[in-house]
Amino acid sequence: MVEGEYPDLTISLSIARQTKQLPEYTKVKGLERDKIKQMALQFIQNAGEEGTRREFVIEYLRETLPARNTKEQNQRLVGNILAEMSNEGSVTQKDRTWYATTSKD
């Protein structure tokens, strides 16, 4: 009926569905990691050749990140996601600015 570890307990997904609390549940849990990555990539692509800084990515994603996390935890989460995206080759970083990697077909 609940998820998480004490003291950070939340209702379970099934209970949220049954009690019509899905919006609140999703806000507390945040979006799935892959969806956050997609949104971050779209934002970085929209920044174009100028690129964007991590804090602007965090601000853009603020409403989609887990509400139960502290500001520092969400900053770390976005930093980890950007690092994953860099390892995958979809973004690059130079001088604290993130750029979309252009694919050459």
N, C-alpha and C. Protein backbone atom coordinates (compact mmCIF):
# COMPACT_ATOMS: atom_id res chain seq x y z
N MET A 1 0.80 -1.19 0.00
CA MET A 1 0.00 0.00 0.00
C MET A 1 0.85 1.27 0.00
N VAL A 2 2.11 1.14 0.46
CA VAL A 2 3.00 2.29 0.45
C VAL A 2 4.33 1.89 -0.20
N GLU A 3 5.06 2.91 -0.64
CA GLU A 3 6.36 2.70 -1.26
C GLU A 3 7.39 3.54 -0.53
N GLY A 4 8.63 3.17 -0.65
CA GLY A 4 9.72 3.94 -0.07
C GLY A 4 10.14 3.41 1.27
N GLU A 5 11.03 4.15 1.89
CA GLU A 5 11.53 3.79 3.21
C GLU A 5 11.21 4.90 4.18
N TYR A 6 10.93 4.52 5.41
CA TYR A 6 10.62 5.50 6.44
C TYR A 6 11.77 6.48 6.59
N PRO A 7 11.59 7.74 6.64
CA PRO A 7 10.34 8.49 6.77
C PRO A 7 9.77 8.96 5.44
N ASP A 8 10.34 8.54 4.33
CA ASP A 8 9.90 9.00 3.00
C ASP A 8 8.93 8.02 2.36
N LEU A 9 7.82 7.79 3.00
CA LEU A 9 6.82 6.86 2.47
C LEU A 9 5.83 7.61 1.59
N THR A 10 5.40 6.95 0.52
CA THR A 10 4.35 7.48 -0.33
C THR A 10 3.36 6.36 -0.61
N ILE A 11 2.17 6.74 -1.06
CA ILE A 11 1.20 5.70 -1.41
C ILE A 11 1.70 4.97 -2.65
N SER A 12 1.26 3.75 -2.81
CA SER A 12 1.69 2.95 -3.96
C SER A 12 0.93 3.40 -5.21
N LEU A 13 1.45 3.02 -6.36
CA LEU A 13 0.83 3.37 -7.63
C LEU A 13 -0.59 2.81 -7.71
N SER A 14 -0.78 1.58 -7.29
CA SER A 14 -2.12 0.99 -7.37
C SER A 14 -3.12 1.74 -6.50
N ILE A 15 -2.70 2.15 -5.32
CA ILE A 15 -3.58 2.93 -4.44
C ILE A 15 -3.85 4.30 -5.05
N ALA A 16 -2.83 4.92 -5.63
CA ALA A 16 -3.01 6.22 -6.27
C ALA A 16 -4.04 6.12 -7.40
N ARG A 17 -3.98 5.04 -8.17
CA ARG A 17 -4.96 4.85 -9.24
C ARG A 17 -6.36 4.68 -8.68
N GLN A 18 -6.50 3.82 -7.68
CA GLN A 18 -7.82 3.54 -7.10
C GLN A 18 -8.44 4.76 -6.44
N THR A 19 -7.62 5.59 -5.84
CA THR A 19 -8.14 6.75 -5.11
C THR A 19 -8.07 8.03 -5.93
N LYS A 20 -7.77 7.88 -7.22
CA LYS A 20 -7.70 9.01 -8.14
C LYS A 20 -6.72 10.09 -7.68
N GLN A 21 -5.57 9.65 -7.18
CA GLN A 21 -4.51 10.56 -6.74
C GLN A 21 -3.29 10.46 -7.63
N LEU A 22 -3.49 10.03 -8.86
CA LEU A 22 -2.37 9.81 -9.78
C LEU A 22 -1.56 11.09 -10.05
N PRO A 23 -2.19 12.26 -10.23
CA PRO A 23 -1.35 13.46 -10.43
C PRO A 23 -0.43 13.74 -9.25
N GLU A 24 -0.93 13.61 -8.04
CA GLU A 24 -0.11 13.84 -6.85
C GLU A 24 0.99 12.80 -6.73
N TYR A 25 0.64 11.54 -7.03
CA TYR A 25 1.62 10.45 -6.97
C TYR A 25 2.76 10.73 -7.95
N THR A 26 2.41 11.09 -9.18
CA THR A 26 3.42 11.32 -10.21
C THR A 26 4.30 12.52 -9.84
N LYS A 27 3.71 13.55 -9.24
CA LYS A 27 4.49 14.71 -8.83
C LYS A 27 5.50 14.34 -7.75
N VAL A 28 5.08 13.53 -6.80
CA VAL A 28 5.97 13.12 -5.71
C VAL A 28 7.07 12.20 -6.24
N LYS A 29 6.71 11.25 -7.08
CA LYS A 29 7.67 10.28 -7.59
C LYS A 29 8.53 10.83 -8.73
N GLY A 30 8.00 11.82 -9.46
CA GLY A 30 8.71 12.34 -10.61
C GLY A 30 8.49 11.44 -11.82
N LEU A 31 8.88 11.93 -12.97
CA LEU A 31 8.75 11.13 -14.18
C LEU A 31 9.83 10.06 -14.22
N GLU A 32 9.62 9.08 -15.09
CA GLU A 32 10.62 8.04 -15.27
C GLU A 32 11.91 8.65 -15.83
N ARG A 33 13.00 8.06 -15.49
CA ARG A 33 14.32 8.55 -15.89
C ARG A 33 14.44 8.74 -17.40
N ASP A 34 13.92 7.80 -18.19
CA ASP A 34 14.02 7.92 -19.65
C ASP A 34 13.25 9.14 -20.16
N LYS A 35 12.12 9.44 -19.57
CA LYS A 35 11.35 10.60 -19.98
C LYS A 35 12.09 11.90 -19.62
N ILE A 36 12.73 11.91 -18.46
CA ILE A 36 13.52 13.08 -18.06
C ILE A 36 14.67 13.26 -19.03
N LYS A 37 15.32 12.16 -19.42
CA LYS A 37 16.41 12.24 -20.39
C LYS A 37 15.93 12.81 -21.72
N GLN A 38 14.76 12.36 -22.18
CA GLN A 38 14.21 12.86 -23.44
C GLN A 38 13.94 14.36 -23.37
N MET A 39 13.37 14.78 -22.24
CA MET A 39 13.07 16.20 -22.07
C MET A 39 14.35 17.03 -22.01
N ALA A 40 15.36 16.53 -21.30
CA ALA A 40 16.63 17.24 -21.20
C ALA A 40 17.28 17.36 -22.58
N LEU A 41 17.26 16.28 -23.34
CA LEU A 41 17.84 16.30 -24.68
C LEU A 41 17.11 17.31 -25.56
N GLN A 42 15.80 17.32 -25.52
CA GLN A 42 15.03 18.27 -26.32
C GLN A 42 15.39 19.71 -25.94
N PHE A 43 15.51 19.97 -24.65
CA PHE A 43 15.86 21.30 -24.18
C PHE A 43 17.25 21.71 -24.69
N ILE A 44 18.20 20.79 -24.60
CA ILE A 44 19.57 21.08 -25.05
C ILE A 44 19.60 21.28 -26.56
N GLN A 45 18.84 20.47 -27.28
CA GLN A 45 18.76 20.65 -28.74
C GLN A 45 18.16 22.00 -29.08
N ASN A 46 17.14 22.42 -28.34
CA ASN A 46 16.51 23.71 -28.59
C ASN A 46 17.47 24.87 -28.32
N ALA A 47 18.43 24.66 -27.43
CA ALA A 47 19.41 25.71 -27.12
C ALA A 47 20.32 25.99 -28.32
N GLY A 48 20.42 25.03 -29.22
CA GLY A 48 21.18 25.23 -30.44
C GLY A 48 22.68 25.32 -30.22
N GLU A 49 23.33 26.08 -31.07
CA GLU A 49 24.79 26.20 -31.04
C GLU A 49 25.31 26.89 -29.79
N GLU A 50 24.47 27.69 -29.14
CA GLU A 50 24.89 28.38 -27.92
C GLU A 50 24.98 27.43 -26.73
N GLY A 51 24.25 26.32 -26.79
CA GLY A 51 24.25 25.37 -25.69
C GLY A 51 23.52 25.94 -24.48
N THR A 52 23.57 25.21 -23.39
CA THR A 52 22.91 25.64 -22.16
C THR A 52 23.67 25.12 -20.95
N ARG A 53 23.47 25.76 -19.84
CA ARG A 53 24.13 25.35 -18.60
C ARG A 53 23.22 24.42 -17.83
N ARG A 54 23.82 23.63 -16.95
CA ARG A 54 23.08 22.64 -16.17
C ARG A 54 21.95 23.28 -15.37
N GLU A 55 22.18 24.46 -14.79
CA GLU A 55 21.14 25.07 -13.97
C GLU A 55 19.89 25.40 -14.78
N PHE A 56 20.04 25.70 -16.08
CA PHE A 56 18.88 25.97 -16.91
C PHE A 56 18.14 24.67 -17.23
N VAL A 57 18.88 23.58 -17.39
CA VAL A 57 18.24 22.27 -17.59
C VAL A 57 17.45 21.90 -16.34
N ILE A 58 18.04 22.11 -15.18
CA ILE A 58 17.37 21.81 -13.92
C ILE A 58 16.10 22.63 -13.78
N GLU A 59 16.18 23.92 -14.09
CA GLU A 59 15.00 24.78 -14.00
C GLU A 59 13.90 24.30 -14.94
N TYR A 60 14.27 23.92 -16.16
CA TYR A 60 13.30 23.41 -17.13
C TYR A 60 12.63 22.13 -16.62
N LEU A 61 13.41 21.27 -15.99
CA LEU A 61 12.89 19.97 -15.54
C LEU A 61 12.27 20.03 -14.14
N ARG A 62 12.34 21.15 -13.47
CA ARG A 62 11.95 21.27 -12.06
C ARG A 62 10.61 20.60 -11.74
N GLU A 63 9.60 20.82 -12.54
CA GLU A 63 8.27 20.26 -12.25
C GLU A 63 8.17 18.76 -12.52
N THR A 64 9.14 18.19 -13.22
CA THR A 64 9.10 16.77 -13.54
C THR A 64 9.97 15.93 -12.62
N LEU A 65 10.81 16.59 -11.83
CA LEU A 65 11.70 15.87 -10.91
C LEU A 65 10.92 15.49 -9.65
N PRO A 66 11.37 14.46 -8.95
CA PRO A 66 10.65 14.02 -7.75
C PRO A 66 10.53 15.15 -6.71
N ALA A 67 9.31 15.44 -6.31
CA ALA A 67 9.07 16.49 -5.32
C ALA A 67 9.59 16.10 -3.95
N ARG A 68 9.74 14.81 -3.69
CA ARG A 68 10.22 14.36 -2.38
C ARG A 68 11.72 14.57 -2.21
N ASN A 69 12.43 14.79 -3.34
CA ASN A 69 13.88 15.00 -3.28
C ASN A 69 14.19 16.42 -2.83
N THR A 70 15.35 16.58 -2.21
CA THR A 70 15.84 17.92 -1.89
C THR A 70 16.36 18.56 -3.17
N LYS A 71 16.61 19.84 -3.10
CA LYS A 71 17.17 20.55 -4.25
C LYS A 71 18.50 19.93 -4.66
N GLU A 72 19.33 19.60 -3.67
CA GLU A 72 20.63 19.00 -3.95
C GLU A 72 20.49 17.62 -4.60
N GLN A 73 19.52 16.84 -4.14
CA GLN A 73 19.31 15.51 -4.73
C GLN A 73 18.88 15.64 -6.19
N ASN A 74 18.01 16.59 -6.49
CA ASN A 74 17.58 16.77 -7.88
C ASN A 74 18.71 17.33 -8.74
N GLN A 75 19.57 18.18 -8.17
CA GLN A 75 20.73 18.66 -8.92
C GLN A 75 21.66 17.49 -9.27
N ARG A 76 21.87 16.61 -8.30
CA ARG A 76 22.70 15.42 -8.52
C ARG A 76 22.06 14.50 -9.56
N LEU A 77 20.73 14.33 -9.47
CA LEU A 77 20.02 13.48 -10.43
C LEU A 77 20.20 14.01 -11.84
N VAL A 78 20.00 15.30 -12.04
CA VAL A 78 20.16 15.87 -13.38
C VAL A 78 21.62 15.78 -13.83
N GLY A 79 22.55 16.02 -12.93
CA GLY A 79 23.96 15.87 -13.28
C GLY A 79 24.28 14.46 -13.72
N ASN A 80 23.74 13.46 -13.02
CA ASN A 80 23.96 12.06 -13.40
C ASN A 80 23.32 11.75 -14.75
N ILE A 81 22.15 12.29 -14.99
CA ILE A 81 21.47 12.06 -16.28
C ILE A 81 22.28 12.69 -17.41
N LEU A 82 22.77 13.90 -17.21
CA LEU A 82 23.59 14.54 -18.24
C LEU A 82 24.87 13.74 -18.49
N ALA A 83 25.48 13.21 -17.44
CA ALA A 83 26.68 12.39 -17.60
C ALA A 83 26.35 11.12 -18.39
N GLU A 84 25.21 10.50 -18.11
CA GLU A 84 24.79 9.31 -18.88
C GLU A 84 24.61 9.67 -20.34
N MET A 85 23.95 10.80 -20.59
CA MET A 85 23.71 11.22 -21.96
C MET A 85 25.03 11.51 -22.68
N SER A 86 25.99 12.04 -21.95
CA SER A 86 27.30 12.29 -22.53
C SER A 86 27.99 10.98 -22.88
N ASN A 87 27.91 10.00 -21.97
CA ASN A 87 28.51 8.69 -22.23
C ASN A 87 27.84 8.00 -23.42
N GLU A 88 26.56 8.26 -23.61
CA GLU A 88 25.82 7.68 -24.74
C GLU A 88 26.11 8.41 -26.05
N GLY A 89 26.69 9.60 -25.93
CA GLY A 89 27.04 10.36 -27.12
C GLY A 89 25.97 11.31 -27.62
N SER A 90 24.90 11.53 -26.86
CA SER A 90 23.84 12.42 -27.33
C SER A 90 24.10 13.88 -26.98
N VAL A 91 24.95 14.13 -25.97
CA VAL A 91 25.32 15.49 -25.60
C VAL A 91 26.81 15.55 -25.28
N THR A 92 27.35 16.75 -25.34
CA THR A 92 28.73 16.98 -24.93
C THR A 92 28.77 18.20 -24.02
N GLN A 93 29.84 18.30 -23.25
CA GLN A 93 30.01 19.43 -22.35
C GLN A 93 31.34 20.10 -22.61
N LYS A 94 31.31 21.43 -22.62
CA LYS A 94 32.55 22.20 -22.74
C LYS A 94 32.37 23.46 -21.90
N ASP A 95 33.29 23.67 -20.97
CA ASP A 95 33.25 24.87 -20.11
C ASP A 95 31.90 25.04 -19.43
N ARG A 96 31.40 23.98 -18.83
CA ARG A 96 30.14 24.00 -18.07
C ARG A 96 28.90 24.27 -18.93
N THR A 97 29.04 24.16 -20.23
CA THR A 97 27.93 24.34 -21.14
C THR A 97 27.68 23.03 -21.87
N TRP A 98 26.41 22.67 -21.98
CA TRP A 98 26.01 21.41 -22.61
C TRP A 98 25.49 21.68 -24.02
N TYR A 99 25.89 20.82 -24.95
CA TYR A 99 25.51 20.93 -26.35
C TYR A 99 24.97 19.59 -26.83
N ALA A 100 24.00 19.64 -27.73
CA ALA A 100 23.52 18.42 -28.37
C ALA A 100 24.55 17.97 -29.38
N THR A 101 24.75 16.67 -29.45
CA THR A 101 25.66 16.12 -30.42
C THR A 101 24.91 15.97 -31.73
N THR A 102 25.48 16.49 -32.79
CA THR A 102 24.83 16.37 -34.09
C THR A 102 25.21 15.02 -34.70
N SER A 103 24.21 14.32 -35.19
CA SER A 103 24.49 13.03 -35.82
C SER A 103 24.79 13.27 -37.29
N LYS A 104 25.79 12.57 -37.77
CA LYS A 104 26.20 12.70 -39.17
C LYS A 104 25.81 11.43 -39.90
N ASP A 105 24.72 11.50 -40.64
CA ASP A 105 24.21 10.33 -41.36
C ASP A 105 24.86 10.17 -42.69
